[in-house]
Protein backbone atom coordinates (compact mmCIF):
# COMPACT_ATOMS: atom_id res chain seq x y z
CA UNK A 1 -28.93 -31.44 -23.47
CA UNK A 2 -31.47 -31.18 -20.67
CA UNK A 3 -32.38 -34.86 -21.01
CA UNK A 4 -28.73 -35.88 -21.18
CA UNK A 5 -27.77 -33.90 -18.09
CA UNK A 6 -30.79 -35.23 -16.22
CA UNK A 7 -29.57 -38.74 -16.95
CA UNK A 8 -26.06 -37.86 -15.81
CA UNK A 9 -27.27 -36.25 -12.59
CA UNK A 10 -28.91 -39.48 -11.51
CA UNK A 11 -25.48 -41.05 -10.96
CA UNK A 12 -23.67 -37.88 -9.95
CA UNK A 13 -26.20 -36.80 -7.32
CA UNK A 14 -25.87 -39.99 -5.31
CA UNK A 15 -22.11 -39.75 -5.36
CA UNK A 16 -22.16 -36.09 -4.33
CA UNK A 17 -24.43 -36.80 -1.36
CA UNK A 18 -22.07 -39.49 -0.08
CA UNK A 19 -18.96 -37.31 -0.67
CA UNK A 20 -17.33 -40.14 -2.60
CA UNK A 21 -15.03 -39.49 -5.57
CA UNK A 22 -16.37 -40.59 -8.95
CA UNK A 23 -14.15 -43.17 -10.60
CA UNK A 24 -13.03 -43.34 -14.22
CA UNK A 25 -16.21 -45.19 -15.25
CA UNK A 26 -18.20 -42.04 -14.62
CA UNK A 27 -16.02 -40.14 -17.07
CA UNK A 28 -16.55 -42.94 -19.57
CA UNK A 29 -20.27 -42.69 -18.94
CA UNK A 30 -20.04 -39.00 -19.71
CA UNK A 31 -18.40 -39.77 -23.03
CA UNK A 32 -20.98 -42.46 -23.87
CA UNK A 33 -23.86 -40.17 -23.00
CA UNK A 34 -22.42 -37.39 -25.13
CA UNK A 35 -22.08 -39.80 -28.04
CA UNK A 36 -25.71 -40.87 -27.67
CA UNK A 37 -27.18 -37.43 -27.15
CA UNK A 38 -29.00 -35.81 -30.07
CA UNK A 39 -27.16 -32.84 -31.54
CA UNK A 40 -30.28 -30.73 -31.13
CA UNK A 41 -29.84 -30.98 -27.36
CA UNK A 42 -26.33 -29.49 -27.44
CA UNK A 43 -27.22 -25.83 -27.87
CA UNK A 44 -27.14 -24.50 -24.30
CA UNK A 45 -24.50 -24.07 -21.54
CA UNK A 46 -23.15 -27.21 -19.88
CA UNK A 47 -22.11 -26.95 -16.24
CA UNK A 48 -20.46 -30.04 -14.78
CA UNK A 49 -18.39 -28.23 -12.18
CA UNK A 50 -17.68 -30.11 -8.95
CA UNK A 51 -19.06 -33.50 -10.01
CA UNK A 52 -15.84 -35.34 -9.11
CA UNK A 53 -15.18 -36.42 -12.70
CA UNK A 54 -11.94 -38.32 -13.39
CA UNK A 55 -10.13 -39.49 -16.48
CA UNK A 56 -9.37 -37.46 -19.58
CA UNK A 57 -11.46 -35.21 -21.74
CA UNK A 58 -13.71 -37.40 -23.90
CA UNK A 59 -13.42 -37.04 -27.66
CA UNK A 60 -17.21 -36.91 -27.73
CA UNK A 61 -16.93 -33.25 -26.81
CA UNK A 62 -16.64 -32.49 -30.49
CA UNK A 63 -20.34 -33.35 -30.82
CA UNK A 64 -21.23 -30.23 -28.84
CA UNK A 65 -21.29 -28.15 -32.00
CA UNK A 66 -23.78 -25.58 -30.72
CA UNK A 67 -22.46 -25.36 -27.17
CA UNK A 68 -21.57 -21.82 -26.08
CA UNK A 69 -20.41 -22.42 -22.48
CA UNK A 70 -18.60 -25.38 -20.93
CA UNK A 71 -17.64 -25.60 -17.25
CA UNK A 72 -15.69 -28.67 -16.12
CA UNK A 73 -13.96 -26.97 -13.19
CA UNK A 74 -13.32 -28.50 -9.77
CA UNK A 75 -13.05 -32.08 -10.97
CA UNK A 76 -10.22 -34.60 -11.18
CA UNK A 77 -9.73 -34.66 -14.94
CA UNK A 78 -6.15 -35.21 -16.10
CA UNK A 79 -3.96 -35.78 -19.12
CA UNK A 80 -2.98 -33.42 -21.88
CA UNK A 81 -5.26 -31.24 -23.90
CA UNK A 82 -3.88 -31.73 -27.38
CA UNK A 83 -6.63 -29.80 -29.13
CA UNK A 84 -9.89 -28.44 -27.82
CA UNK A 85 -12.18 -30.15 -30.31
CA UNK A 86 -15.42 -28.57 -29.22
CA UNK A 87 -17.90 -26.19 -30.71
CA UNK A 88 -16.45 -23.15 -32.46
CA UNK A 89 -19.32 -21.23 -30.87
CA UNK A 90 -17.92 -21.61 -27.35
CA UNK A 91 -17.30 -18.22 -25.72
CA UNK A 92 -16.69 -19.37 -22.13
CA UNK A 93 -14.46 -22.36 -21.29
CA UNK A 94 -13.56 -23.24 -17.70
CA UNK A 95 -11.19 -26.16 -17.02
CA UNK A 96 -9.80 -24.81 -13.74
CA UNK A 97 -8.99 -26.90 -10.66
CA UNK A 98 -8.18 -30.14 -12.44
CA UNK A 99 -4.96 -32.06 -13.10
CA UNK A 100 -4.33 -31.25 -16.75
CA UNK A 101 -0.70 -31.05 -17.82
CA UNK A 102 1.47 -30.39 -20.86
CA UNK A 103 1.23 -27.37 -23.13
CA UNK A 104 -1.86 -25.27 -23.64
CA UNK A 105 -3.01 -26.09 -27.19
CA UNK A 106 -1.37 -23.84 -29.75
CA UNK A 107 -4.30 -23.93 -32.13
CA UNK A 108 -7.12 -22.94 -29.83
CA UNK A 109 -7.20 -19.49 -31.40
CA UNK A 110 -8.36 -21.24 -34.58
CA UNK A 111 -10.58 -23.90 -33.03
CA UNK A 112 -12.19 -21.38 -30.63
CA UNK A 113 -12.26 -18.15 -32.63
CA UNK A 114 -14.99 -16.56 -30.50
CA UNK A 115 -13.65 -17.44 -27.07
CA UNK A 116 -13.98 -14.59 -24.57
CA UNK A 117 -13.31 -16.24 -21.21
CA UNK A 118 -10.62 -18.89 -20.87
CA UNK A 119 -9.92 -20.17 -17.34
CA UNK A 120 -7.22 -22.85 -17.13
CA UNK A 121 -6.05 -21.99 -13.61
CA UNK A 122 -4.98 -24.50 -10.95
CA UNK A 123 -3.62 -27.13 -13.31
CA UNK A 124 -0.14 -28.24 -14.39
CA UNK A 125 0.16 -26.64 -17.82
CA UNK A 126 3.77 -25.77 -18.70
CA UNK A 127 3.62 -23.49 -21.75
CA UNK A 128 1.36 -20.97 -23.43
CA UNK A 129 0.17 -20.68 -27.01
CA UNK A 130 1.64 -17.97 -29.21
CA UNK A 131 -1.67 -17.04 -30.81
CA UNK A 132 -4.79 -15.67 -29.12
CA UNK A 133 -8.22 -14.74 -30.50
CA UNK A 134 -8.88 -11.01 -30.63
CA UNK A 135 -12.22 -11.61 -28.90
CA UNK A 136 -10.63 -12.70 -25.62
CA UNK A 137 -11.68 -10.70 -22.55
CA UNK A 138 -10.42 -12.83 -19.66
CA UNK A 139 -7.29 -15.01 -19.60
CA UNK A 140 -6.60 -16.89 -16.35
CA UNK A 141 -3.52 -19.14 -16.43
CA UNK A 142 -2.71 -18.79 -12.71
CA UNK A 143 -1.41 -21.62 -10.49
CA UNK A 144 0.28 -23.62 -13.23
CA UNK A 145 3.90 -24.40 -14.13
CA UNK A 146 4.07 -22.15 -17.16
CA UNK A 147 7.42 -21.03 -18.54
CA UNK A 148 7.43 -17.67 -20.30
CA UNK A 149 10.07 -15.01 -20.90
CA UNK A 150 8.95 -11.41 -21.35
CA UNK A 151 11.95 -10.95 -23.63
CA UNK A 152 10.04 -13.01 -26.20
CA UNK A 153 6.82 -11.06 -25.97
CA UNK A 154 7.14 -10.04 -29.62
CA UNK A 155 6.73 -13.71 -30.60
CA UNK A 156 3.16 -13.65 -29.33
CA UNK A 157 0.22 -11.87 -30.91
CA UNK A 158 -0.91 -10.26 -27.69
CA UNK A 159 -1.01 -6.89 -29.40
CA UNK A 160 -4.01 -8.20 -31.36
CA UNK A 161 -6.05 -8.93 -28.21
CA UNK A 162 -7.88 -5.62 -28.35
CA UNK A 163 -10.58 -6.42 -25.79
CA UNK A 164 -8.50 -7.89 -22.98
CA UNK A 165 -9.81 -6.81 -19.56
CA UNK A 166 -8.63 -9.51 -17.13
CA UNK A 167 -5.11 -10.99 -17.16
CA UNK A 168 -4.05 -13.42 -14.41
CA UNK A 169 -0.73 -15.24 -14.82
CA UNK A 170 0.04 -15.36 -11.09
CA UNK A 171 1.72 -18.22 -9.23
CA UNK A 172 3.88 -19.33 -12.17
CA UNK A 173 7.50 -19.22 -11.05
CA UNK A 174 8.67 -19.92 -14.61
CA UNK A 175 7.46 -16.53 -15.86
CA UNK A 176 10.58 -14.35 -16.01
CA UNK A 177 11.92 -11.18 -17.58
CA UNK A 178 11.10 -7.50 -17.28
CA UNK A 179 7.44 -6.65 -17.04
CA UNK A 180 7.13 -3.40 -19.02
CA UNK A 181 7.30 -5.17 -22.40
CA UNK A 182 4.04 -7.08 -22.06
CA UNK A 183 2.25 -4.44 -20.05
CA UNK A 184 2.99 -1.83 -22.69
CA UNK A 185 1.49 -4.05 -25.37
CA UNK A 186 -1.64 -4.84 -23.38
CA UNK A 187 -2.50 -1.38 -22.16
CA UNK A 188 -2.00 0.24 -25.53
CA UNK A 189 -4.94 -1.53 -27.14
CA UNK A 190 -7.30 -2.69 -24.46
CA UNK A 191 -9.68 -1.73 -21.71
CA UNK A 192 -7.62 -3.53 -19.11
CA UNK A 193 -9.19 -3.71 -15.65
CA UNK A 194 -7.32 -6.51 -13.85
CA UNK A 195 -3.61 -7.46 -13.86
CA UNK A 196 -2.19 -10.12 -11.54
CA UNK A 197 1.45 -11.13 -12.02
CA UNK A 198 2.11 -11.96 -8.37
CA UNK A 199 4.27 -14.90 -7.30
CA UNK A 200 6.22 -14.88 -10.54
CA UNK A 201 9.89 -14.23 -11.30
CA UNK A 202 9.39 -11.01 -13.22
CA UNK A 203 11.61 -8.01 -12.54
CA UNK A 204 12.21 -4.54 -13.91
CA UNK A 205 10.74 -1.19 -12.97
CA UNK A 206 7.10 -0.31 -12.57
CA UNK A 207 5.59 0.59 -15.96
CA UNK A 208 5.22 4.36 -16.20
CA UNK A 209 2.44 4.06 -18.79
CA UNK A 210 -0.17 2.42 -16.58
CA UNK A 211 -1.62 5.83 -15.78
CA UNK A 212 -2.89 5.90 -19.36
CA UNK A 213 -5.35 3.11 -18.61
CA UNK A 214 -8.27 4.88 -16.99
CA UNK A 215 -10.18 1.58 -16.63
CA UNK A 216 -7.48 -0.26 -14.65
CA UNK A 217 -8.71 -0.97 -11.12
CA UNK A 218 -6.70 -4.01 -9.90
CA UNK A 219 -2.89 -4.44 -9.85
CA UNK A 220 -1.07 -7.23 -8.01
CA UNK A 221 2.70 -7.54 -8.47
CA UNK A 222 3.42 -8.96 -5.02
CA UNK A 223 6.10 -11.57 -4.40
CA UNK A 224 8.00 -10.65 -7.54
CA UNK A 225 11.27 -8.91 -8.39
CA UNK A 226 9.79 -5.62 -9.57
CA UNK A 227 11.94 -2.77 -8.25
CA UNK A 228 12.62 0.95 -8.25
CA UNK A 229 10.62 4.02 -7.35
CA UNK A 230 6.88 4.41 -7.71
CA UNK A 231 6.12 7.71 -9.45
CA UNK A 232 2.77 9.16 -8.49
CA UNK A 233 2.05 9.97 -12.13
CA UNK A 234 2.21 6.25 -13.02
CA UNK A 235 -0.88 5.28 -11.02
CA UNK A 236 -4.18 4.78 -12.85
CA UNK A 237 -6.86 7.25 -11.70
CA UNK A 238 -9.47 4.54 -11.01
CA UNK A 239 -7.24 2.16 -9.06
CA UNK A 240 -9.05 0.30 -6.27
CA UNK A 241 -6.66 -2.58 -5.40
CA UNK A 242 -2.87 -2.21 -5.32
CA UNK A 243 -0.60 -4.92 -3.90
CA UNK A 244 3.16 -4.67 -4.36
CA UNK A 245 4.18 -6.35 -1.11
CA UNK A 246 7.35 -8.47 -0.91
CA UNK A 247 8.99 -6.63 -3.80
CA UNK A 248 12.09 -4.46 -4.22
CA UNK A 249 10.38 -1.09 -4.41
CA UNK A 250 12.08 1.80 -2.63
CA UNK A 251 12.04 5.58 -2.46
CA UNK A 252 9.25 7.82 -1.17
CA UNK A 253 5.73 6.46 -1.10
CA UNK A 254 3.47 8.69 -3.23
CA UNK A 255 -0.10 9.71 -2.55
CA UNK A 256 -2.89 7.63 -4.04
CA UNK A 257 -6.24 8.27 -5.73
CA UNK A 258 -9.35 8.49 -3.59
CA UNK A 259 -10.77 5.42 -5.37
CA UNK A 260 -8.19 3.08 -3.80
CA UNK A 261 -9.72 0.56 -1.37
CA UNK A 262 -6.79 -1.78 -0.62
CA UNK A 263 -3.11 -0.80 -0.39
CA UNK A 264 -0.48 -3.37 0.58
CA UNK A 265 3.17 -2.28 0.40
CA UNK A 266 4.41 -4.47 3.25
CA UNK A 267 7.92 -5.91 3.13
CA UNK A 268 9.28 -3.18 0.88
CA UNK A 269 11.86 -0.42 1.30
CA UNK A 270 9.54 2.54 0.86
CA UNK A 271 10.43 5.64 2.85
CA UNK A 272 8.62 8.82 3.78
CA UNK A 273 5.41 9.20 5.74
CA UNK A 274 1.96 7.63 5.57
CA UNK A 275 0.45 8.65 2.21
CA UNK A 276 -2.73 10.56 1.52
CA UNK A 277 -5.67 9.12 -0.37
CA UNK A 278 -7.26 11.65 -2.67
CA UNK A 279 -6.69 15.37 -2.88
CA UNK A 280 -10.11 16.33 -1.53
CA UNK A 281 -11.70 15.67 1.85
CA UNK A 282 -10.58 12.40 3.53
CA UNK A 283 -14.24 11.50 4.06
CA UNK A 284 -14.48 10.96 0.29
CA UNK A 285 -11.71 8.37 0.31
CA UNK A 286 -12.61 4.71 -0.26
CA UNK A 287 -9.57 3.25 1.51
CA UNK A 288 -10.51 0.18 3.58
CA UNK A 289 -7.26 -1.72 4.08
CA UNK A 290 -3.95 0.06 4.71
CA UNK A 291 -1.02 -2.35 5.11
CA UNK A 292 2.42 -0.76 5.42
CA UNK A 293 4.04 -3.25 7.79
CA UNK A 294 7.71 -4.25 7.62
CA UNK A 295 8.71 -1.18 5.64
CA UNK A 296 10.80 1.91 6.39
CA UNK A 297 7.85 4.28 6.50
CA UNK A 298 8.46 6.80 9.29
CA UNK A 299 7.47 10.14 10.70
CA UNK A 300 4.92 11.02 13.34
CA UNK A 301 1.78 8.91 13.60
CA UNK A 302 -0.79 11.27 12.03
CA UNK A 303 -4.09 12.00 13.73
CA UNK A 304 -5.60 12.62 10.27
CA UNK A 305 -5.67 8.86 9.69
CA UNK A 306 -8.87 8.75 11.73
CA UNK A 307 -10.55 10.89 9.05
CA UNK A 308 -10.67 7.93 6.68
CA UNK A 309 -13.97 6.67 7.99
CA UNK A 310 -14.09 3.47 5.88
CA UNK A 311 -10.88 1.98 7.24
CA UNK A 312 -11.31 -1.62 8.39
CA UNK A 313 -7.71 -2.87 8.56
CA UNK A 314 -4.72 -0.73 9.52
CA UNK A 315 -1.40 -2.59 9.80
CA UNK A 316 1.52 -0.27 10.56
CA UNK A 317 3.61 -2.79 12.48
CA UNK A 318 7.40 -3.00 12.22
CA UNK A 319 7.92 0.44 10.73
CA UNK A 320 9.68 3.60 11.95
CA UNK A 321 6.61 5.54 13.03
CA UNK A 322 7.00 7.71 16.09
CA UNK A 323 5.05 9.99 18.40
CA UNK A 324 2.04 9.16 20.55
CA UNK A 325 -1.10 7.26 19.58
CA UNK A 326 -3.74 9.87 18.70
CA UNK A 327 -6.91 9.48 20.73
CA UNK A 328 -8.89 10.08 17.52
CA UNK A 329 -8.00 6.53 16.39
CA UNK A 330 -10.64 5.26 18.80
CA UNK A 331 -13.35 6.94 16.71
CA UNK A 332 -12.70 5.18 13.38
CA UNK A 333 -16.22 3.79 12.81
CA UNK A 334 -15.65 0.36 11.24
CA UNK A 335 -12.04 -0.54 12.07
CA UNK A 336 -11.55 -4.22 12.88
CA UNK A 337 -7.78 -4.42 13.08
CA UNK A 338 -5.31 -1.77 14.24
CA UNK A 339 -1.73 -3.01 14.50
CA UNK A 340 0.83 -0.47 15.72
CA UNK A 341 3.28 -2.96 17.21
CA UNK A 342 7.06 -2.64 17.11
CA UNK A 343 7.45 1.00 16.21
CA UNK A 344 8.92 3.98 18.08
CA UNK A 345 5.69 5.12 19.70
CA UNK A 346 5.86 6.64 23.18
CA UNK A 347 3.60 7.00 26.20
CA UNK A 348 0.91 7.77 27.14
CA UNK A 349 -1.37 4.99 25.95
CA UNK A 350 -4.81 6.49 25.18
CA UNK A 351 -7.86 5.38 27.12
CA UNK A 352 -9.76 4.11 24.06
CA UNK A 353 -7.39 1.12 23.86
CA UNK A 354 -9.48 -0.73 26.45
CA UNK A 355 -12.33 -0.87 23.90
CA UNK A 356 -10.22 -3.21 21.73
CA UNK A 357 -9.16 -6.84 21.97
CA UNK A 358 -5.57 -6.08 22.89
CA UNK A 359 -3.29 -8.34 20.82
CA UNK A 360 -6.14 -10.82 20.31
CA UNK A 361 -5.54 -11.60 16.65
CA UNK A 362 -8.10 -14.41 16.60
CA UNK A 363 -10.75 -12.33 18.39
CA UNK A 364 -11.23 -15.08 20.95
CA UNK A 365 -13.12 -12.66 23.16
CA UNK A 366 -15.83 -12.44 20.53
CA UNK A 367 -18.43 -9.74 20.29
CA UNK A 368 -16.91 -8.16 17.18
CA UNK A 369 -14.49 -6.09 19.24
CA UNK A 370 -11.60 -4.89 17.03
CA UNK A 371 -8.09 -6.26 17.34
CA UNK A 372 -5.36 -3.91 18.55
CA UNK A 373 -1.62 -4.59 18.96
CA UNK A 374 0.71 -2.08 20.66
CA UNK A 375 3.62 -4.26 21.78
CA UNK A 376 7.26 -3.44 21.19
CA UNK A 377 7.06 0.35 21.46
CA UNK A 378 8.97 2.80 23.65
CA UNK A 379 6.60 2.76 26.59
CA UNK A 380 7.56 4.04 30.02
CA UNK A 381 5.99 3.49 33.41
CA UNK A 382 3.52 3.83 34.90
CA UNK A 383 1.23 2.04 32.44
CA UNK A 384 -2.49 1.33 32.80
CA UNK A 385 -3.32 -1.44 35.26
CA UNK A 386 -4.55 -3.77 32.50
CA UNK A 387 -1.14 -3.75 30.75
CA UNK A 388 0.67 -7.05 31.10
CA UNK A 389 3.83 -8.33 29.45
CA UNK A 390 1.84 -9.90 26.63
CA UNK A 391 -0.19 -6.74 26.05
CA UNK A 392 2.14 -3.78 26.53
CA UNK A 393 5.64 -5.20 26.37
CA UNK A 394 8.31 -2.67 25.51
CA UNK A 395 11.20 -3.08 23.10
CA UNK A 396 12.82 -6.53 23.22
CA UNK A 397 9.88 -7.81 25.26
CA UNK A 398 10.56 -5.65 28.30
CA UNK A 399 7.91 -6.29 30.96
CA UNK A 400 5.80 -3.27 31.96
CA UNK A 401 7.09 -3.39 35.54
CA UNK A 402 10.67 -3.15 34.26
CA UNK A 403 10.13 -0.07 32.12
CA UNK A 404 11.87 3.14 33.08
CA UNK A 405 9.77 5.94 34.58
CA UNK A 406 8.21 8.49 32.26
CA UNK A 407 10.46 11.56 32.32
CA UNK A 408 11.67 13.79 29.50
CA UNK A 409 15.04 12.05 29.68
CA UNK A 410 13.50 8.65 28.98
CA UNK A 411 12.01 9.70 25.65
CA UNK A 412 13.97 9.02 22.47
CA UNK A 413 15.94 11.98 21.18
CA UNK A 414 13.74 12.14 18.12
CA UNK A 415 10.67 12.36 20.30
CA UNK A 416 11.73 14.87 22.95
CA UNK A 417 9.48 17.87 23.01
CA UNK A 418 11.10 21.19 23.95
CA UNK A 419 9.84 22.51 27.31
CA UNK A 420 7.13 25.11 27.16
CA UNK A 421 8.33 28.66 27.89
CA UNK A 422 7.63 29.84 31.46
CA UNK A 423 4.76 32.25 31.85
CA UNK A 424 3.88 34.77 34.56
CA UNK A 425 0.56 35.11 36.29
CA UNK A 426 -1.05 37.28 33.64
CA UNK A 427 -0.06 34.75 30.93
CA UNK A 428 2.55 37.05 29.38
CA UNK A 429 5.62 35.25 28.10
CA UNK A 430 8.59 35.96 30.40
CA UNK A 431 10.92 35.98 27.43
CA UNK A 432 8.90 38.81 25.94
CA UNK A 433 9.16 40.82 29.16
CA UNK A 434 12.92 40.25 29.37
CA UNK A 435 13.28 41.29 25.77
CA UNK A 436 11.39 44.53 26.36
CA UNK A 437 13.52 45.37 29.43
CA UNK A 438 16.76 44.70 27.62
CA UNK A 439 15.59 46.76 24.70
CA UNK A 440 14.73 49.67 26.98
CA UNK A 441 18.08 49.62 28.71
CA UNK A 442 19.85 49.57 25.37
CA UNK A 443 17.85 52.54 24.19
CA UNK A 444 18.69 54.54 27.34
CA UNK A 445 22.37 53.76 26.96
CA UNK A 446 22.27 54.81 23.34
CA UNK A 447 20.67 58.16 24.18
CA UNK A 448 23.14 58.79 27.01
CA UNK A 449 26.02 58.05 24.73
CA UNK A 450 24.80 60.50 22.14
CA UNK A 451 24.32 63.19 24.75
CA UNK A 452 27.80 62.68 26.13
CA UNK A 453 29.32 62.65 22.67
CA UNK A 454 27.76 65.89 21.54
CA UNK A 455 27.86 67.63 24.97
CA UNK A 456 31.51 67.09 25.86
CA UNK A 457 32.98 68.83 22.82
CA UNK A 458 31.57 72.40 23.57
CA UNK A 459 32.62 72.05 27.19
CA UNK A 460 36.19 71.28 26.20
CA UNK A 461 36.23 74.30 23.84
CA UNK A 462 34.94 76.58 26.63
CA UNK A 463 37.61 75.37 29.02
CA UNK A 464 40.34 76.01 26.45
CA UNK A 465 39.13 79.56 25.82
CA UNK A 466 38.95 80.22 29.55
CA UNK A 467 42.61 79.22 30.00
CA UNK A 468 43.66 81.56 27.17
CA UNK A 469 41.78 84.50 28.66
CA UNK A 470 43.32 83.77 32.06
CA UNK A 471 46.81 83.80 30.58
CA UNK A 472 46.15 87.05 28.75
CA UNK A 473 44.76 88.65 31.91
CA UNK A 474 47.77 87.61 33.95
CA UNK A 475 50.08 89.08 31.32
CA UNK A 476 48.20 92.36 31.41
CA UNK A 477 48.46 92.58 35.16
CA UNK A 478 52.17 91.98 35.04
CA UNK A 479 52.57 94.84 32.65
CA UNK A 480 50.53 97.15 34.85
CA UNK A 481 52.65 96.58 37.98
CA UNK A 482 56.01 96.36 36.33
CA UNK A 483 58.51 99.13 37.68
CA UNK A 484 59.72 99.76 34.17
CA UNK A 485 56.32 100.93 33.13
CA UNK A 486 55.90 104.72 33.11
CA UNK A 487 52.99 105.90 35.06
């Protein structure tokens, strides 16, 4: 094999240096050389990736009976692949980035019984085989024209692929149906680590059984029709990459495990506030990219976000976040992009903003200064002197000089802060003093009332008795001075 490849490289090297595509004769030369090569030379990996090969797969490949790895990626090979007539010992086959078309061979599970890695991505294949070797670890059929309906998942022997770890069927618009059927089959009998079904036509709700796969670290369902809520209990504990952007998810956004590094839920209908990452200290979180843009996430902009010290990208644009920008955001150590544009944020703008490339998405100022976008918020004047229309424009592009003055009445109703209670010189709350005075007066009135109630009754009784005695005395006197009375 070494001698054969050395002979091939003589012609390929010159072509590669001149950046000229190899014509069909080179592919024919490959077939001729394979026919002439001794079988004893065909027992090691063959890597012909990026040689510019054209034409179809040569039938001479069936002479590579002891070959264990074959890489023909990044060439211009075309035609159908009726059967992969190569060594049964092959464990790694890479035909990606070519122009192959037609169905993926149905019998490759028999012809390649020990295959572990099969990469047929970036071709024009239109259908998948129904049978797969149980030894398969990685299956990459992305960027093809494959048609597959999850309703027919029972027609495939995917439940026998016990060792599957990497499944990539992304960018195949012909893949339809509800996702839980296949996912349930795969996760029940595998050590799945990677699932990418993005840019397909799948729908249905998020599989609730994914939390059972402790090894699953990568999930991408973006640009699909998956819908519904996202229960926190459905998330795998070791998840590090989670992309469900441009989907139909809604409901509250749950918290995520501390292992998560990338979260993208942009262009969804999630509600609630910015989630937490891990139940322990934020410093233990691995989150690096937080992308919540174009969603209905709301609430106050939390200062605790600055505690995630590994954050590099924070995109919270076009949401319903409110409040002021916490000054602690200027201390995130490695942040390179902080986009807070088009929210309901209010003045003042913190001083640390001048340390960023304001709205400079392409970092044209250089120097590794982070990008920061704050346009389209509820700013009020006066603004810092460096604020221009392109940097600090208000809602609907309002120029800074046209913004209303900063007064309590200019703040949105949801953002108005109640005035602080007045205090007297010794820092005692006036309301407390007023309360004590009113309480004292009430107490005095209560005591006076009791005194009057219990004191007025004896006085009335005394007055009544006095009137009776007076009447009796007057009667006695009349009797004493009456002329009819005998002396």
